[in-house]
Amino acid sequence: MSNGNGGATANQNGGSTRDKVRGAVGDIGDNPVALVAGGVALGVLIGMLIPRAAKERELLDPVGRKLADRASSVAKAAKEAGKQEIDALLPGKDATKERVSALFGSVVNAAKEAARN
């Protein structure tokens, strides 16, 4: 008896699983963006697993070096531009010294005036 029930349960589970698979396939077909994203992810995974050929290295290494050099140049240029902007915003050493001297002179003069009164 238990064998008959076990068989019926397996058939019910199998039918249920088939229905779930059919539903999932139908859902993917309804959402083409998910299908494309899944395809891209699968392609990246396969690309990572396949070893690179010598010809591929020969062709792509110079391109990679050029891209790295350009990125480095852009980063250096951005750093220099930022440094120049900061230097333009901050007062120079001479101007700061003059301001501190003027402030100190004002404080000394104010102290003399206060002492007179």
C-alpha atoms as a PDB file:
ATOM      1  CA  MET A   1       0.000   0.000   0.000  1.00  0.00           C
ATOM      2  CA  SER A   2       2.731   2.422   0.881  1.00  0.00           C
ATOM      3  CA  ASN A   3       4.319   1.819  -2.526  1.00  0.00           C
ATOM      4  CA  GLY A   4       1.129   2.902  -4.251  1.00  0.00           C
ATOM      5  CA  ASN A   5       0.945   6.093  -2.165  1.00  0.00           C
ATOM      6  CA  GLY A   6       4.626   6.786  -2.689  1.00  0.00           C
ATOM      7  CA  GLY A   7       4.162   6.498  -6.433  1.00  0.00           C
ATOM      8  CA  ALA A   8       1.168   8.807  -6.349  1.00  0.00           C
ATOM      9  CA  THR A   9       3.087  11.330  -4.270  1.00  0.00           C
ATOM     10  CA  ALA A  10       6.019  11.246  -6.673  1.00  0.00           C
ATOM     11  CA  ASN A  11       3.676  11.818  -9.620  1.00  0.00           C
ATOM     12  CA  GLN A  12       2.013  14.698  -7.836  1.00  0.00           C
ATOM     13  CA  ASN A  13       5.365  16.260  -6.972  1.00  0.00           C
ATOM     14  CA  GLY A  14       6.611  15.706 -10.511  1.00  0.00           C
ATOM     15  CA  GLY A  15       3.536  17.383 -11.937  1.00  0.00           C
ATOM     16  CA  SER A  16       3.915  20.236  -9.491  1.00  0.00           C
ATOM     17  CA  THR A  17       7.586  20.687 -10.426  1.00  0.00           C
ATOM     18  CA  ARG A  18       6.757  20.629 -14.122  1.00  0.00           C
ATOM     19  CA  ASP A  19       4.109  23.279 -13.572  1.00  0.00           C
ATOM     20  CA  LYS A  20       6.605  25.430 -11.690  1.00  0.00           C
ATOM     21  CA  VAL A  21       9.189  25.082 -14.466  1.00  0.00           C
ATOM     22  CA  ARG A  22       6.618  25.939 -17.122  1.00  0.00           C
ATOM     23  CA  GLY A  23       5.506  28.956 -15.081  1.00  0.00           C
ATOM     24  CA  ALA A  24       9.104  30.145 -14.663  1.00  0.00           C
ATOM     25  CA  VAL A  25       9.818  29.787 -18.375  1.00  0.00           C
ATOM     26  CA  GLY A  26       6.612  31.676 -19.163  1.00  0.00           C
ATOM     27  CA  ASP A  27       7.606  34.461 -16.717  1.00  0.00           C
ATOM     28  CA  ILE A  28      11.034  34.822 -18.330  1.00  0.00           C
ATOM     29  CA  GLY A  29       9.432  35.057 -21.742  1.00  0.00           C
ATOM     30  CA  ASP A  30       7.202  37.846 -20.407  1.00  0.00           C
ATOM     31  CA  ASN A  31      10.227  39.824 -19.163  1.00  0.00           C
ATOM     32  CA  PRO A  32      12.752  40.236 -22.011  1.00  0.00           C
ATOM     33  CA  VAL A  33      15.010  42.525 -19.939  1.00  0.00           C
ATOM     34  CA  ALA A  34      15.565  39.738 -17.403  1.00  0.00           C
ATOM     35  CA  LEU A  35      16.261  37.364 -20.272  1.00  0.00           C
ATOM     36  CA  VAL A  36      18.902  39.693 -21.735  1.00  0.00           C
ATOM     37  CA  ALA A  37      20.458  40.324 -18.294  1.00  0.00           C
ATOM     38  CA  GLY A  38      20.628  36.586 -17.671  1.00  0.00           C
ATOM     39  CA  GLY A  39      22.238  36.050 -21.062  1.00  0.00           C
ATOM     40  CA  VAL A  40      24.860  38.720 -20.393  1.00  0.00           C
ATOM     41  CA  ALA A  41      25.633  37.241 -16.963  1.00  0.00           C
ATOM     42  CA  LEU A  42      25.954  33.788 -18.488  1.00  0.00           C
ATOM     43  CA  GLY A  43      28.250  35.140 -21.210  1.00  0.00           C
ATOM     44  CA  VAL A  44      30.498  36.844 -18.650  1.00  0.00           C
ATOM     45  CA  LEU A  45      30.672  33.653 -16.602  1.00  0.00           C
ATOM     46  CA  ILE A  46      31.561  31.552 -19.635  1.00  0.00           C
ATOM     47  CA  GLY A  47      34.129  34.141 -20.720  1.00  0.00           C
ATOM     48  CA  MET A  48      35.793  33.969 -17.323  1.00  0.00           C
ATOM     49  CA  LEU A  49      35.973  30.192 -17.404  1.00  0.00           C
ATOM     50  CA  ILE A  50      37.473  29.846 -20.881  1.00  0.00           C
ATOM     51  CA  PRO A  51      41.266  30.287 -20.896  1.00  0.00           C
ATOM     52  CA  ARG A  52      42.643  33.147 -22.971  1.00  0.00           C
ATOM     53  CA  ALA A  53      44.389  32.247 -26.179  1.00  0.00           C
ATOM     54  CA  ALA A  54      47.820  33.588 -27.075  1.00  0.00           C
ATOM     55  CA  LYS A  55      46.395  35.434 -30.095  1.00  0.00           C
ATOM     56  CA  GLU A  56      43.776  37.095 -27.902  1.00  0.00           C
ATOM     57  CA  ARG A  57      46.489  38.297 -25.507  1.00  0.00           C
ATOM     58  CA  GLU A  58      48.571  39.515 -28.430  1.00  0.00           C
ATOM     59  CA  LEU A  59      45.666  41.552 -29.796  1.00  0.00           C
ATOM     60  CA  LEU A  60      44.130  42.842 -26.568  1.00  0.00           C
ATOM     61  CA  ASP A  61      47.167  43.609 -24.383  1.00  0.00           C
ATOM     62  CA  PRO A  62      48.128  46.763 -26.329  1.00  0.00           C
ATOM     63  CA  VAL A  63      44.533  47.984 -26.126  1.00  0.00           C
ATOM     64  CA  GLY A  64      44.531  47.401 -22.370  1.00  0.00           C
ATOM     65  CA  ARG A  65      47.803  49.290 -21.989  1.00  0.00           C
ATOM     66  CA  LYS A  66      46.469  52.236 -24.010  1.00  0.00           C
ATOM     67  CA  LEU A  67      43.315  52.377 -21.897  1.00  0.00           C
ATOM     68  CA  ALA A  68      45.344  52.227 -18.678  1.00  0.00           C
ATOM     69  CA  ASP A  69      47.675  54.990 -19.903  1.00  0.00           C
ATOM     70  CA  ARG A  70      44.736  57.207 -20.870  1.00  0.00           C
ATOM     71  CA  ALA A  71      43.030  56.625 -17.535  1.00  0.00           C
ATOM     72  CA  SER A  72      46.262  57.503 -15.755  1.00  0.00           C
ATOM     73  CA  SER A  73      46.638  60.683 -17.823  1.00  0.00           C
ATOM     74  CA  VAL A  74      43.077  61.725 -17.084  1.00  0.00           C
ATOM     75  CA  ALA A  75      43.577  61.117 -13.360  1.00  0.00           C
ATOM     76  CA  LYS A  76      46.780  63.213 -13.355  1.00  0.00           C
ATOM     77  CA  ALA A  77      45.078  66.032 -15.254  1.00  0.00           C
ATOM     78  CA  ALA A  78      42.131  66.016 -12.849  1.00  0.00           C
ATOM     79  CA  LYS A  79      44.510  66.079  -9.884  1.00  0.00           C
ATOM     80  CA  GLU A  80      46.419  69.050 -11.301  1.00  0.00           C
ATOM     81  CA  ALA A  81      43.215  70.938 -12.126  1.00  0.00           C
ATOM     82  CA  GLY A  82      41.924  70.357  -8.606  1.00  0.00           C
ATOM     83  CA  LYS A  83      45.214  71.487  -7.092  1.00  0.00           C
ATOM     84  CA  GLN A  84      45.157  74.678  -9.165  1.00  0.00           C
ATOM     85  CA  GLU A  85      41.570  75.398  -8.073  1.00  0.00           C
ATOM     86  CA  ILE A  86      42.483  74.946  -4.415  1.00  0.00           C
ATOM     87  CA  ASP A  87      45.578  77.127  -4.793  1.00  0.00           C
ATOM     88  CA  ALA A  88      43.446  79.834  -6.422  1.00  0.00           C
ATOM     89  CA  LEU A  89      40.943  79.753  -3.553  1.00  0.00           C
ATOM     90  CA  LEU A  90      43.511  79.840  -0.740  1.00  0.00           C
ATOM     91  CA  PRO A  91      45.426  83.062  -0.076  1.00  0.00           C
ATOM     92  CA  GLY A  92      49.163  83.059  -0.694  1.00  0.00           C
ATOM     93  CA  LYS A  93      51.726  82.967   2.105  1.00  0.00           C
ATOM     94  CA  ASP A  94      52.659  86.617   1.655  1.00  0.00           C
ATOM     95  CA  ALA A  95      49.034  87.758   1.760  1.00  0.00           C
ATOM     96  CA  THR A  96      48.451  85.695   4.903  1.00  0.00           C
ATOM     97  CA  LYS A  97      51.520  87.199   6.597  1.00  0.00           C
ATOM     98  CA  GLU A  98      50.326  90.694   5.729  1.00  0.00           C
ATOM     99  CA  ARG A  99      46.859  89.994   7.137  1.00  0.00           C
ATOM    100  CA  VAL A 100      48.271  88.542  10.371  1.00  0.00           C
ATOM    101  CA  SER A 101      50.637  91.527  10.744  1.00  0.00           C
ATOM    102  CA  ALA A 102      47.776  93.964  10.144  1.00  0.00           C
ATOM    103  CA  LEU A 103      45.577  92.133  12.640  1.00  0.00           C
ATOM    104  CA  PHE A 104      48.348  92.097  15.230  1.00  0.00           C
ATOM    105  CA  GLY A 105      48.974  95.800  14.623  1.00  0.00           C
ATOM    106  CA  SER A 106      45.279  96.533  15.109  1.00  0.00           C
ATOM    107  CA  VAL A 107      45.239  94.587  18.365  1.00  0.00           C
ATOM    108  CA  VAL A 108      48.323  96.462  19.620  1.00  0.00           C
ATOM    109  CA  ASN A 109      46.789  99.823  18.660  1.00  0.00           C
ATOM    110  CA  ALA A 110      43.518  98.914  20.356  1.00  0.00           C
ATOM    111  CA  ALA A 111      45.403  97.940  23.507  1.00  0.00           C
ATOM    112  CA  LYS A 112      47.306 101.297  23.492  1.00  0.00           C
ATOM    113  CA  GLU A 113      44.067 103.237  23.057  1.00  0.00           C
ATOM    114  CA  ALA A 114      42.453 101.286  25.894  1.00  0.00           C
ATOM    115  CA  ALA A 115      45.452 102.028  28.152  1.00  0.00           C
ATOM    116  CA  ARG A 116      45.192 105.787  27.460  1.00  0.00           C
ATOM    117  CA  ASN A 117      41.574 105.958  28.464  1.00  0.00           C
END
